Protein backbone atom coordinates (compact mmCIF):
# COMPACT_ATOMS: atom_id res chain seq x y z
CA MET A 1 12.01 -64.16 -14.22
CA ARG A 2 11.80 -62.55 -17.60
CA GLU A 3 14.65 -62.79 -20.03
CA GLU A 4 14.40 -59.09 -20.82
CA TYR A 5 13.05 -56.10 -18.94
CA ASP A 6 12.01 -52.73 -20.28
CA ILE A 7 14.18 -50.57 -18.00
CA GLU A 8 12.51 -47.30 -19.01
CA ASN A 9 9.13 -48.48 -17.73
CA LEU A 10 10.32 -49.97 -14.44
CA ASN A 11 10.42 -46.65 -12.61
CA PRO A 12 9.02 -43.85 -14.76
CA ARG A 13 9.27 -41.07 -12.14
CA ARG A 14 12.36 -38.92 -11.73
CA ASN A 15 14.64 -39.06 -8.74
CA PRO A 16 13.35 -36.39 -6.31
CA TYR A 17 16.77 -36.10 -4.65
CA VAL A 18 18.80 -35.38 -7.78
CA LYS A 19 19.24 -31.71 -6.75
CA ARG A 20 20.58 -32.74 -3.34
CA LEU A 21 23.43 -34.87 -4.66
CA LYS A 22 26.81 -34.03 -3.18
CA LYS A 23 30.05 -33.43 -5.02
CA GLN A 24 33.33 -34.49 -3.49
CA ILE A 25 35.95 -31.73 -3.53
CA THR A 26 39.29 -30.99 -1.93
CA ILE A 27 39.49 -27.85 0.17
CA ASN A 28 42.18 -26.42 2.43
CA ILE A 29 40.80 -25.32 5.80
CA ASP A 30 42.79 -23.92 8.72
CA ASN A 31 43.40 -26.27 11.64
CA ASP A 32 41.60 -23.88 14.01
CA THR A 33 38.50 -23.97 11.83
CA VAL A 34 38.49 -27.75 11.62
CA ASP A 35 39.02 -27.97 15.39
CA PHE A 36 36.06 -25.61 15.94
CA PHE A 37 33.74 -27.79 13.84
CA LYS A 38 35.07 -30.97 15.45
CA ALA A 39 34.26 -29.53 18.90
CA GLN A 40 30.77 -28.61 17.66
CA SER A 41 30.51 -32.15 16.31
CA GLU A 42 31.25 -33.68 19.70
CA GLU A 43 28.59 -31.49 21.35
CA SER A 44 25.90 -32.12 18.75
CA GLY A 45 26.69 -35.68 17.71
CA ILE A 46 26.67 -34.63 14.05
CA PRO A 47 29.81 -35.41 11.98
CA TYR A 48 31.98 -32.32 11.52
CA GLN A 49 31.96 -32.55 7.73
CA THR A 50 28.16 -32.54 7.81
CA LEU A 51 28.24 -29.47 10.07
CA ILE A 52 30.53 -27.65 7.65
CA ASN A 53 28.21 -28.57 4.78
CA LEU A 54 25.14 -27.41 6.73
CA TYR A 55 26.80 -24.08 7.53
CA LEU A 56 27.90 -23.47 3.95
CA SER A 57 24.48 -24.54 2.64
CA ASP A 58 22.82 -22.05 5.00
CA CYS A 59 25.15 -19.30 3.75
CA ALA A 60 24.29 -20.10 0.14
CA LYS A 61 20.54 -20.42 0.82
CA ASN A 62 20.41 -17.06 2.59
CA LYS A 63 22.81 -15.44 0.12
CA LYS A 64 25.11 -14.29 2.91
CA LYS A 65 27.81 -11.89 1.78
CA LEU A 66 31.29 -11.96 3.21
CA GLN A 67 31.89 -9.21 5.74
CA MET A 68 35.61 -9.05 6.30
CA SER A 69 37.63 -6.34 7.89
CA TRP A 70 41.39 -6.32 8.19
CA LYS A 71 42.68 -4.83 11.42
């Protein structure tokens, strides 16, 4: 082994996944909503938090606008 390594030259290419890093946040979600995603999770075998992230990512990617109506 060498006594010293030149770290900058060990891996000169950039991390291709840097844009896909996740940020941990705290969010309040209604119990009904969490239960819905947990049921979807059981059917699909995908963790419910991943499903929520996939849904929100799809909304952001497709620039979906909120369509709310109060009855």
